[in-house]
C-alpha atoms as a PDB file:
ATOM      1  CA  UNK A   1       3.268 -14.226 -16.349  1.00  0.00           C
ATOM      2  CA  UNK A   2       2.144 -11.116 -18.440  1.00  0.00           C
ATOM      3  CA  UNK A   3       5.060  -8.507 -18.681  1.00  0.00           C
ATOM      4  CA  UNK A   4       2.756  -5.868 -19.395  1.00  0.00           C
ATOM      5  CA  UNK A   5       0.767  -6.140 -16.472  1.00  0.00           C
ATOM      6  CA  UNK A   6       4.072  -7.077 -13.926  1.00  0.00           C
ATOM      7  CA  UNK A   7       5.457  -3.715 -15.289  1.00  0.00           C
ATOM      8  CA  UNK A   8       2.468  -1.508 -14.480  1.00  0.00           C
ATOM      9  CA  UNK A   9       1.667  -3.709 -11.061  1.00  0.00           C
ATOM     10  CA  UNK A  10       5.487  -2.469  -9.865  1.00  0.00           C
ATOM     11  CA  UNK A  11       4.439   1.359 -10.820  1.00  0.00           C
ATOM     12  CA  UNK A  12       1.278   1.711  -8.866  1.00  0.00           C
ATOM     13  CA  UNK A  13       3.787   0.067  -5.687  1.00  0.00           C
ATOM     14  CA  UNK A  14       6.035   2.798  -6.409  1.00  0.00           C
ATOM     15  CA  UNK A  15       3.825   5.711  -6.391  1.00  0.00           C
ATOM     16  CA  UNK A  16       2.233   4.719  -3.339  1.00  0.00           C
ATOM     17  CA  UNK A  17       6.013   4.311  -1.595  1.00  0.00           C
ATOM     18  CA  UNK A  18       7.197   6.854   0.160  1.00  0.00           C
ATOM     19  CA  UNK A  19      10.716   7.150  -0.309  1.00  0.00           C
ATOM     20  CA  UNK A  20      12.395   7.551   3.366  1.00  0.00           C
ATOM     21  CA  UNK A  21      15.054  10.472   3.484  1.00  0.00           C
ATOM     22  CA  UNK A  22      17.981   9.127   5.852  1.00  0.00           C
ATOM     23  CA  UNK A  23      20.470  11.978   4.955  1.00  0.00           C
ATOM     24  CA  UNK A  24      19.800  13.828   7.941  1.00  0.00           C
ATOM     25  CA  UNK A  25      22.020  16.771   9.703  1.00  0.00           C
ATOM     26  CA  UNK A  26      24.077  15.692  12.331  1.00  0.00           C
ATOM     27  CA  UNK A  27      24.365  12.056  10.648  1.00  0.00           C
ATOM     28  CA  UNK A  28      28.415  11.040  10.086  1.00  0.00           C
ATOM     29  CA  UNK A  29      28.967  10.058   6.110  1.00  0.00           C
ATOM     30  CA  UNK A  30      32.517   8.810   4.649  1.00  0.00           C
ATOM     31  CA  UNK A  31      33.201  10.657   1.426  1.00  0.00           C
ATOM     32  CA  UNK A  32      34.164   7.991  -1.088  1.00  0.00           C
ATOM     33  CA  UNK A  33      35.343  10.226  -4.330  1.00  0.00           C
ATOM     34  CA  UNK A  34      37.273  13.654  -4.995  1.00  0.00           C
ATOM     35  CA  UNK A  35      39.966  15.239  -3.444  1.00  0.00           C
ATOM     36  CA  UNK A  36      38.110  14.310   0.732  1.00  0.00           C
ATOM     37  CA  UNK A  37      37.755  10.530  -0.434  1.00  0.00           C
ATOM     38  CA  UNK A  38      38.124   8.634   2.777  1.00  0.00           C
ATOM     39  CA  UNK A  39      37.567  11.532   5.208  1.00  0.00           C
ATOM     40  CA  UNK A  40      34.887  11.478   7.538  1.00  0.00           C
ATOM     41  CA  UNK A  41      32.283  13.974   7.350  1.00  0.00           C
ATOM     42  CA  UNK A  42      29.157  15.307   9.094  1.00  0.00           C
ATOM     43  CA  UNK A  43      25.677  16.686   7.265  1.00  0.00           C
ATOM     44  CA  UNK A  44      25.406  19.883   8.570  1.00  0.00           C
ATOM     45  CA  UNK A  45      22.524  20.667   6.487  1.00  0.00           C
ATOM     46  CA  UNK A  46      20.505  19.224   3.966  1.00  0.00           C
ATOM     47  CA  UNK A  47      19.154  20.844   0.928  1.00  0.00           C
ATOM     48  CA  UNK A  48      16.213  18.414  -0.091  1.00  0.00           C
ATOM     49  CA  UNK A  49      14.495  20.686  -2.527  1.00  0.00           C
ATOM     50  CA  UNK A  50      17.518  22.354  -3.914  1.00  0.00           C
ATOM     51  CA  UNK A  51      18.291  26.047  -4.182  1.00  0.00           C
ATOM     52  CA  UNK A  52      18.025  28.481  -6.866  1.00  0.00           C
ATOM     53  CA  UNK A  53      21.680  28.457  -8.076  1.00  0.00           C
ATOM     54  CA  UNK A  54      21.364  24.446  -7.631  1.00  0.00           C
ATOM     55  CA  UNK A  55      17.813  23.314  -8.488  1.00  0.00           C
ATOM     56  CA  UNK A  56      19.051  19.492  -7.040  1.00  0.00           C
ATOM     57  CA  UNK A  57      19.488  17.813  -3.813  1.00  0.00           C
ATOM     58  CA  UNK A  58      22.945  18.459  -2.322  1.00  0.00           C
ATOM     59  CA  UNK A  59      24.502  18.420   1.270  1.00  0.00           C
ATOM     60  CA  UNK A  60      26.627  20.699   3.103  1.00  0.00           C
ATOM     61  CA  UNK A  61      29.622  18.775   4.966  1.00  0.00           C
ATOM     62  CA  UNK A  62      32.264  19.139   7.359  1.00  0.00           C
ATOM     63  CA  UNK A  63      35.105  17.131   8.476  1.00  0.00           C
ATOM     64  CA  UNK A  64      38.413  16.743   9.312  1.00  0.00           C
ATOM     65  CA  UNK A  65      40.920  16.525   6.235  1.00  0.00           C
ATOM     66  CA  UNK A  66      43.883  15.643   8.401  1.00  0.00           C
ATOM     67  CA  UNK A  67      44.200  13.807  11.427  1.00  0.00           C
ATOM     68  CA  UNK A  68      46.655  14.648  14.513  1.00  0.00           C
ATOM     69  CA  UNK A  69      49.425  12.548  14.503  1.00  0.00           C
ATOM     70  CA  UNK A  70      50.961  10.830  17.903  1.00  0.00           C
ATOM     71  CA  UNK A  71      53.505  13.684  18.981  1.00  0.00           C
ATOM     72  CA  UNK A  72      56.381  13.073  21.498  1.00  0.00           C
ATOM     73  CA  UNK A  73      58.553  15.627  23.400  1.00  0.00           C
ATOM     74  CA  UNK A  74      60.576  16.213  20.357  1.00  0.00           C
ATOM     75  CA  UNK A  75      58.429  16.644  17.776  1.00  0.00           C
ATOM     76  CA  UNK A  76      57.136  19.955  16.436  1.00  0.00           C
ATOM     77  CA  UNK A  77      53.910  21.214  16.727  1.00  0.00           C
ATOM     78  CA  UNK A  78      53.238  21.056  13.450  1.00  0.00           C
ATOM     79  CA  UNK A  79      52.173  17.123  14.207  1.00  0.00           C
ATOM     80  CA  UNK A  80      49.608  18.251  16.306  1.00  0.00           C
ATOM     81  CA  UNK A  81      47.832  20.313  13.634  1.00  0.00           C
ATOM     82  CA  UNK A  82      44.261  19.450  12.606  1.00  0.00           C
ATOM     83  CA  UNK A  83      42.902  20.817   9.178  1.00  0.00           C
ATOM     84  CA  UNK A  84      39.193  20.904   8.844  1.00  0.00           C
ATOM     85  CA  UNK A  85      36.790  21.604   5.187  1.00  0.00           C
ATOM     86  CA  UNK A  86      33.591  22.543   4.087  1.00  0.00           C
ATOM     87  CA  UNK A  87      32.243  20.784   0.728  1.00  0.00           C
ATOM     88  CA  UNK A  88      28.707  21.087  -1.034  1.00  0.00           C
ATOM     89  CA  UNK A  89      28.092  17.255  -1.666  1.00  0.00           C
ATOM     90  CA  UNK A  90      25.273  16.103  -4.687  1.00  0.00           C
ATOM     91  CA  UNK A  91      22.605  14.046  -3.293  1.00  0.00           C
END
């Protein structure tokens, strides 16, 4: 097997393949790193081409960082508080 031809054949295949964008708005994701690690979030807006300030692929996600606890009659209203977040995540 000729390694030189093998590498160029693979490059030709990659050029013709189209990249499938599976991270689209309204898709639910789980954040794995950072302050909001292990939090569920939903993609609000996808910046596939980037912006002037951030010239790379990134996403605006919204999620819940603190879910409400189970509340009984004698507990305070603090336990039923929901805390949400908005975050820009690199793609």
